[in-house]
Structure formats: C-alpha cells, structure tokens
Protein backbone atom coordinates (compact mmCIF):
# COMPACT_ATOMS: atom_id res chain seq x y z
CA MET A 1 0.00 0.00 0.00
CA VAL A 2 1.17 3.50 -0.75
CA TYR A 3 0.40 6.28 1.71
CA ILE A 4 0.17 9.81 0.41
CA ARG A 5 0.65 12.71 2.82
CA CYS A 6 -1.23 15.86 2.20
CA ALA A 7 0.94 18.92 2.56
CA GLY A 8 0.05 21.17 5.48
CA THR A 9 -1.94 18.71 7.56
CA GLU A 10 0.25 17.50 10.39
CA ASN A 11 -1.08 14.86 12.74
CA TYR A 12 0.36 15.03 16.28
CA ASN A 13 -1.81 12.33 17.85
CA HIS A 14 1.11 9.91 18.06
CA ILE A 15 3.00 12.43 20.21
CA ILE A 16 0.03 13.40 22.39
CA ILE A 17 -1.02 9.80 23.00
CA SER A 18 2.56 8.91 24.00
CA THR A 19 3.22 11.83 26.33
CA ALA A 20 -0.10 11.89 28.20
CA PRO A 21 0.48 8.61 30.12
CA VAL A 22 4.08 9.60 30.84
CA ALA A 23 2.97 12.92 32.32
CA ALA A 24 0.22 11.28 34.38
CA THR A 25 2.66 8.66 35.68
CA ALA A 26 5.15 11.36 36.68
CA VAL A 27 2.45 13.28 38.59
CA LEU A 28 1.23 10.15 40.40
CA PHE A 29 4.78 9.15 41.30
CA GLY A 30 5.45 12.63 42.68
CA LEU A 31 2.33 12.50 44.83
CA TYR A 32 3.33 9.03 46.07
CA VAL A 33 6.78 10.27 47.09
CA LEU A 34 5.31 13.27 48.92
CA MET A 35 2.79 11.11 50.79
CA VAL A 36 5.46 8.60 51.83
CA LYS A 37 7.68 11.42 53.16
CA LYS A 38 4.77 12.94 55.09
CA TYR A 39 3.73 9.54 56.47
CA LYS A 40 7.27 8.68 57.60
CA LYS A 41 7.63 12.07 59.27
CA ARG A 42 4.34 11.58 61.12
CA ILE A 43 5.40 8.12 62.34
CA GLN A 44 8.66 9.57 63.67
CA GLU A 45 6.75 12.32 65.46
CA LEU A 46 4.40 9.84 67.09
CA GLN A 47 7.22 7.51 68.13
CA SER A 48 9.25 10.33 69.67
CA GLN A 49 6.43 11.71 71.82
CA ASP A 50 7.10 9.46 74.83
CA GLY A 51 3.41 9.37 75.69
CA ARG A 52 2.86 13.10 75.27
CA LEU A 53 -0.09 14.43 73.31
CA PRO A 54 0.68 16.35 70.10
CA SER A 55 0.63 20.11 70.40
CA GLY A 56 -2.89 21.47 70.08
CA ALA A 57 -4.53 18.16 71.02
CA SER A 58 -6.65 17.84 74.12
CA GLY A 59 -7.49 14.71 75.97
CA PRO A 60 -7.12 12.94 79.29
CA THR A 61 -3.86 13.38 81.15
CA CYS A 62 -2.39 10.25 82.69
CA SER A 63 0.01 10.06 85.62
CA ASN A 64 0.82 6.90 87.57
CA GLN A 65 -1.80 4.86 85.71
CA SER A 66 -4.69 7.13 86.75
CA CYS A 67 -6.27 9.16 83.99
CA THR A 68 -8.42 12.20 84.62
C-alpha cells in the first residue's frame, strides 16, 4: 500500500497519546513520594512523643496509671 501525505496537515496524535500517560505517571509518582515522606515524618513524630499528646490536642492526662 502507498500512503500519500497531504501537505500542510500535520497529525500530532502519536505524540500526544505517547506523552499523556508519561505525564500522568510522573504526577502520580510525585504524589506518592510526597505522601510517603509525610507519612514517615508523622510516624517519627508519634514515636518520639514518649506518651505526650501532640501540640494542640486535648485529651485525658495520665500520671501513675490514673487518667483524669
């Protein structure tokens, strides 16, 4: 078969279809990395509290196994 190109009509679908999934994958990967960093930071904060409540949180205070 012989394909004839018409002058002046460029078709960029092959570029758009190829780059759209790459861009979406890059965005999703970036969000994943940010969430993992935030999650790890939060775990470290909770593990380093030594039983203290986070700043701004209110709740019962415990001393010598008796909570009020």
